[in-house]
Amino acid sequence: MARKVFFSFHYDRDVFRVMQVRNSWVVRGEHEAQPFYDKAEFETIKKNAGGIERWIEQQLNGTSVTVVLYGTETYDRPWVRHEIKRSYELGKGLLAIDIHGIKDPRLGGDIPGRNPLDYWQVQRGGRTYTLGQLHQKYDWVRDRGYDNINRWIEEAAQAAGR
């Protein structure tokens, strides 16, 4: 089944790694991802009425899954945290993919970072869990993301009832 997916990530540090993941998924048949904006377009978005928050809402509209692509510094990015929070509130499927091992053509590999889903805590059955405990996490290189991302996205969508 074709899924409309929102990719959340740290633009400045990971854009080249993210492009490899995103393109490996989108080029296969009926898959669809949200538009991919470059830094200049993103700066324009920040200046528009409602700015980034409004843009995020527009991008999440109609998606069934948010894929958090994370590297070394993603955990501390406020807009990534906002995208995760909104995705959870909207009942989107969530999954995290560690992309530190993907080679950036300029910089090579990177060091692992913390899973941004671990930032958020929720109550379930009287217990506290991080979103990282409730949603799947994968390593793009080790877990063969190119071969498995379709299944990961579908499983996240089904887990969210989408």
C-alpha atoms as a PDB file:
ATOM      1  CA  MET A   1       0.000   0.000   0.000  1.00  0.00           C
ATOM      2  CA  ALA A   2       1.281   3.476  -0.833  1.00  0.00           C
ATOM      3  CA  ARG A   3       1.858   5.621   2.232  1.00  0.00           C
ATOM      4  CA  LYS A   4       2.247   9.354   2.529  1.00  0.00           C
ATOM      5  CA  VAL A   5       5.166   9.840   4.915  1.00  0.00           C
ATOM      6  CA  PHE A   6       6.623  12.800   6.774  1.00  0.00           C
ATOM      7  CA  PHE A   7      10.405  12.671   7.315  1.00  0.00           C
ATOM      8  CA  SER A   8      11.679  14.510  10.390  1.00  0.00           C
ATOM      9  CA  PHE A   9      15.419  15.264  10.621  1.00  0.00           C
ATOM     10  CA  HIS A  10      18.155  17.791  11.387  1.00  0.00           C
ATOM     11  CA  TYR A  11      18.601  19.570   8.073  1.00  0.00           C
ATOM     12  CA  ASP A  12      22.031  21.169   8.409  1.00  0.00           C
ATOM     13  CA  ARG A  13      23.925  18.141   9.642  1.00  0.00           C
ATOM     14  CA  ASP A  14      22.107  15.264   7.966  1.00  0.00           C
ATOM     15  CA  VAL A  15      20.536  16.456   4.717  1.00  0.00           C
ATOM     16  CA  PHE A  16      22.816  14.380   2.462  1.00  0.00           C
ATOM     17  CA  ARG A  17      22.210  11.227   4.497  1.00  0.00           C
ATOM     18  CA  VAL A  18      18.474  11.924   4.561  1.00  0.00           C
ATOM     19  CA  MET A  19      18.349  12.378   0.789  1.00  0.00           C
ATOM     20  CA  GLN A  20      19.762   8.878   0.348  1.00  0.00           C
ATOM     21  CA  VAL A  21      17.123   7.345   2.621  1.00  0.00           C
ATOM     22  CA  ARG A  22      14.236   9.350   1.246  1.00  0.00           C
ATOM     23  CA  ASN A  23      15.164   8.772  -2.377  1.00  0.00           C
ATOM     24  CA  SER A  24      15.630   5.033  -1.853  1.00  0.00           C
ATOM     25  CA  TRP A  25      12.018   4.858  -0.712  1.00  0.00           C
ATOM     26  CA  VAL A  26      10.292   7.356  -2.989  1.00  0.00           C
ATOM     27  CA  VAL A  27      11.696   5.999  -6.252  1.00  0.00           C
ATOM     28  CA  ARG A  28       9.992   2.662  -5.712  1.00  0.00           C
ATOM     29  CA  GLY A  29       6.612   2.586  -7.368  1.00  0.00           C
ATOM     30  CA  GLU A  30       3.708   4.355  -5.705  1.00  0.00           C
ATOM     31  CA  HIS A  31       5.498   5.702  -2.626  1.00  0.00           C
ATOM     32  CA  GLU A  32       5.027   9.313  -1.746  1.00  0.00           C
ATOM     33  CA  ALA A  33       6.830  11.572   0.684  1.00  0.00           C
ATOM     34  CA  GLN A  34       6.191  15.147   1.602  1.00  0.00           C
ATOM     35  CA  PRO A  35       7.945  17.785  -0.525  1.00  0.00           C
ATOM     36  CA  PHE A  36      11.624  18.227   0.211  1.00  0.00           C
ATOM     37  CA  TYR A  37      12.617  21.848   0.728  1.00  0.00           C
ATOM     38  CA  ASP A  38      16.117  23.202   0.516  1.00  0.00           C
ATOM     39  CA  LYS A  39      17.572  25.576   3.103  1.00  0.00           C
ATOM     40  CA  ALA A  40      16.686  28.743   1.143  1.00  0.00           C
ATOM     41  CA  GLU A  41      13.042  27.665   0.894  1.00  0.00           C
ATOM     42  CA  PHE A  42      13.057  26.786   4.582  1.00  0.00           C
ATOM     43  CA  GLU A  43      14.291  30.286   5.472  1.00  0.00           C
ATOM     44  CA  THR A  44      11.376  31.721   3.460  1.00  0.00           C
ATOM     45  CA  ILE A  45       8.937  29.442   5.291  1.00  0.00           C
ATOM     46  CA  LYS A  46      10.165  30.806   8.640  1.00  0.00           C
ATOM     47  CA  LYS A  47       9.234  34.335   7.538  1.00  0.00           C
ATOM     48  CA  ASN A  48       5.696  33.464   6.370  1.00  0.00           C
ATOM     49  CA  ALA A  49       2.644  33.973   8.571  1.00  0.00           C
ATOM     50  CA  GLY A  50       2.603  31.146  11.095  1.00  0.00           C
ATOM     51  CA  GLY A  51       6.134  30.209  10.087  1.00  0.00           C
ATOM     52  CA  ILE A  52       7.553  26.802  10.704  1.00  0.00           C
ATOM     53  CA  GLU A  53       4.765  25.580  12.945  1.00  0.00           C
ATOM     54  CA  ARG A  54       2.161  26.198  10.248  1.00  0.00           C
ATOM     55  CA  TRP A  55       4.379  24.581   7.617  1.00  0.00           C
ATOM     56  CA  ILE A  56       4.800  21.474   9.794  1.00  0.00           C
ATOM     57  CA  GLU A  57       1.031  21.184  10.210  1.00  0.00           C
ATOM     58  CA  GLN A  58       0.568  21.431   6.443  1.00  0.00           C
ATOM     59  CA  GLN A  59       3.214  18.772   5.830  1.00  0.00           C
ATOM     60  CA  LEU A  60       1.739  16.381   8.403  1.00  0.00           C
ATOM     61  CA  ASN A  61      -1.731  16.726   6.887  1.00  0.00           C
ATOM     62  CA  GLY A  62      -2.679  13.540   5.071  1.00  0.00           C
ATOM     63  CA  THR A  63       0.335  11.520   6.220  1.00  0.00           C
ATOM     64  CA  SER A  64       0.018   8.218   8.023  1.00  0.00           C
ATOM     65  CA  VAL A  65       3.575   7.843   9.352  1.00  0.00           C
ATOM     66  CA  THR A  66       6.364  10.084  10.614  1.00  0.00           C
ATOM     67  CA  VAL A  67       9.840   8.657  10.089  1.00  0.00           C
ATOM     68  CA  VAL A  68      12.419  10.288  12.364  1.00  0.00           C
ATOM     69  CA  LEU A  69      15.800  10.069  10.653  1.00  0.00           C
ATOM     70  CA  TYR A  70      18.378  10.833  13.287  1.00  0.00           C
ATOM     71  CA  GLY A  71      22.081  11.389  13.525  1.00  0.00           C
ATOM     72  CA  THR A  72      24.531  12.845  15.994  1.00  0.00           C
ATOM     73  CA  GLU A  73      22.704  16.108  16.846  1.00  0.00           C
ATOM     74  CA  THR A  74      19.058  15.392  15.990  1.00  0.00           C
ATOM     75  CA  TYR A  75      17.946  14.719  19.572  1.00  0.00           C
ATOM     76  CA  ASP A  76      18.449  18.371  20.576  1.00  0.00           C
ATOM     77  CA  ARG A  77      16.657  19.955  17.602  1.00  0.00           C
ATOM     78  CA  PRO A  78      13.530  21.817  18.797  1.00  0.00           C
ATOM     79  CA  TRP A  79      11.606  21.481  15.519  1.00  0.00           C
ATOM     80  CA  VAL A  80      12.290  17.739  15.352  1.00  0.00           C
ATOM     81  CA  ARG A  81      10.888  17.484  18.880  1.00  0.00           C
ATOM     82  CA  HIS A  82       7.851  19.494  17.804  1.00  0.00           C
ATOM     83  CA  GLU A  83       7.285  17.261  14.772  1.00  0.00           C
ATOM     84  CA  ILE A  84       7.427  14.155  16.965  1.00  0.00           C
ATOM     85  CA  LYS A  85       5.051  15.658  19.517  1.00  0.00           C
ATOM     86  CA  ARG A  86       2.529  16.684  16.854  1.00  0.00           C
ATOM     87  CA  SER A  87       2.789  13.326  15.099  1.00  0.00           C
ATOM     88  CA  TYR A  88       2.032  11.543  18.367  1.00  0.00           C
ATOM     89  CA  GLU A  89      -0.866  13.891  19.158  1.00  0.00           C
ATOM     90  CA  LEU A  90      -2.308  13.315  15.681  1.00  0.00           C
ATOM     91  CA  GLY A  91      -2.050   9.534  16.020  1.00  0.00           C
ATOM     92  CA  LYS A  92       0.505   9.068  13.245  1.00  0.00           C
ATOM     93  CA  GLY A  93       2.607   5.953  13.043  1.00  0.00           C
ATOM     94  CA  LEU A  94       6.096   6.668  14.368  1.00  0.00           C
ATOM     95  CA  LEU A  95       9.451   5.036  13.831  1.00  0.00           C
ATOM     96  CA  ALA A  96      13.047   6.113  14.244  1.00  0.00           C
ATOM     97  CA  ILE A  97      15.933   5.278  11.926  1.00  0.00           C
ATOM     98  CA  ASP A  98      19.542   5.884  12.965  1.00  0.00           C
ATOM     99  CA  ILE A  99      21.358   7.255   9.901  1.00  0.00           C
ATOM    100  CA  HIS A 100      24.798   7.985  11.375  1.00  0.00           C
ATOM    101  CA  GLY A 101      26.377   5.141   9.385  1.00  0.00           C
ATOM    102  CA  ILE A 102      25.281   6.444   5.985  1.00  0.00           C
ATOM    103  CA  LYS A 103      28.186   8.088   4.213  1.00  0.00           C
ATOM    104  CA  ASP A 104      27.795  11.811   3.630  1.00  0.00           C
ATOM    105  CA  PRO A 105      29.671  12.578   0.387  1.00  0.00           C
ATOM    106  CA  ARG A 106      31.372  15.531   2.098  1.00  0.00           C
ATOM    107  CA  LEU A 107      32.040  14.128   5.558  1.00  0.00           C
ATOM    108  CA  GLY A 108      31.783  10.331   5.481  1.00  0.00           C
ATOM    109  CA  GLY A 109      30.095   8.541   8.384  1.00  0.00           C
ATOM    110  CA  ASP A 110      29.241  10.144  11.710  1.00  0.00           C
ATOM    111  CA  ILE A 111      29.021   9.162  15.359  1.00  0.00           C
ATOM    112  CA  PRO A 112      25.759   7.769  16.774  1.00  0.00           C
ATOM    113  CA  GLY A 113      23.248  10.114  18.366  1.00  0.00           C
ATOM    114  CA  ARG A 114      20.393   9.655  20.817  1.00  0.00           C
ATOM    115  CA  ASN A 115      16.982   8.519  19.602  1.00  0.00           C
ATOM    116  CA  PRO A 116      14.771  11.657  19.567  1.00  0.00           C
ATOM    117  CA  LEU A 117      11.723   9.526  20.422  1.00  0.00           C
ATOM    118  CA  ASP A 118      13.290   9.056  23.869  1.00  0.00           C
ATOM    119  CA  TYR A 119      12.773  12.753  24.643  1.00  0.00           C
ATOM    120  CA  TRP A 120       8.996  12.372  25.015  1.00  0.00           C
ATOM    121  CA  GLN A 121       7.339  10.463  27.855  1.00  0.00           C
ATOM    122  CA  VAL A 122       3.745   9.229  27.922  1.00  0.00           C
ATOM    123  CA  GLN A 123       1.562   7.384  30.410  1.00  0.00           C
ATOM    124  CA  ARG A 124       0.195   3.940  29.529  1.00  0.00           C
ATOM    125  CA  GLY A 125      -1.584   1.738  32.033  1.00  0.00           C
ATOM    126  CA  GLY A 126      -0.265   3.729  34.981  1.00  0.00           C
ATOM    127  CA  ARG A 127       3.343   3.455  33.801  1.00  0.00           C
ATOM    128  CA  THR A 128       5.626   5.987  32.142  1.00  0.00           C
ATOM    129  CA  TYR A 129       7.281   5.139  28.843  1.00  0.00           C
ATOM    130  CA  THR A 130       9.341   7.070  26.346  1.00  0.00           C
ATOM    131  CA  LEU A 131       8.059   7.098  22.793  1.00  0.00           C
ATOM    132  CA  GLY A 132      11.301   5.287  21.982  1.00  0.00           C
ATOM    133  CA  GLN A 133      10.129   2.381  24.121  1.00  0.00           C
ATOM    134  CA  LEU A 134       6.763   2.273  22.366  1.00  0.00           C
ATOM    135  CA  HIS A 135       7.904   2.643  18.749  1.00  0.00           C
ATOM    136  CA  GLN A 136      10.403   0.766  16.645  1.00  0.00           C
ATOM    137  CA  LYS A 137      13.970   1.939  16.089  1.00  0.00           C
ATOM    138  CA  TYR A 138      16.231   0.749  13.303  1.00  0.00           C
ATOM    139  CA  ASP A 139      19.767   1.358  12.088  1.00  0.00           C
ATOM    140  CA  TRP A 140      19.750   2.130   8.346  1.00  0.00           C
ATOM    141  CA  VAL A 141      23.033   0.355   7.616  1.00  0.00           C
ATOM    142  CA  ARG A 142      22.965  -2.549  10.083  1.00  0.00           C
ATOM    143  CA  ASP A 143      19.261  -3.347   9.568  1.00  0.00           C
ATOM    144  CA  ARG A 144      19.445  -3.015   5.760  1.00  0.00           C
ATOM    145  CA  GLY A 145      17.165  -0.032   5.488  1.00  0.00           C
ATOM    146  CA  TYR A 146      17.164   0.034   1.708  1.00  0.00           C
ATOM    147  CA  ASP A 147      15.581  -3.428   1.666  1.00  0.00           C
ATOM    148  CA  ASN A 148      13.301  -2.959   4.686  1.00  0.00           C
ATOM    149  CA  ILE A 149      12.021   0.623   4.875  1.00  0.00           C
ATOM    150  CA  ASN A 150       8.771  -0.275   3.094  1.00  0.00           C
ATOM    151  CA  ARG A 151       7.978  -2.906   5.722  1.00  0.00           C
ATOM    152  CA  TRP A 152       9.011  -0.626   8.613  1.00  0.00           C
ATOM    153  CA  ILE A 153       6.690   2.132   7.406  1.00  0.00           C
ATOM    154  CA  GLU A 154       3.803  -0.253   6.859  1.00  0.00           C
ATOM    155  CA  GLU A 155       4.255  -1.797  10.325  1.00  0.00           C
ATOM    156  CA  ALA A 156       4.318   1.666  11.947  1.00  0.00           C
ATOM    157  CA  ALA A 157       1.131   2.638  10.095  1.00  0.00           C
ATOM    158  CA  GLN A 158      -0.650  -0.555  11.130  1.00  0.00           C
ATOM    159  CA  ALA A 159       0.479  -0.177  14.751  1.00  0.00           C
ATOM    160  CA  ALA A 160      -1.169   3.271  14.745  1.00  0.00           C
ATOM    161  CA  GLY A 161      -4.334   1.879  13.164  1.00  0.00           C
ATOM    162  CA  ARG A 162      -3.783   3.690   9.856  1.00  0.00           C
END
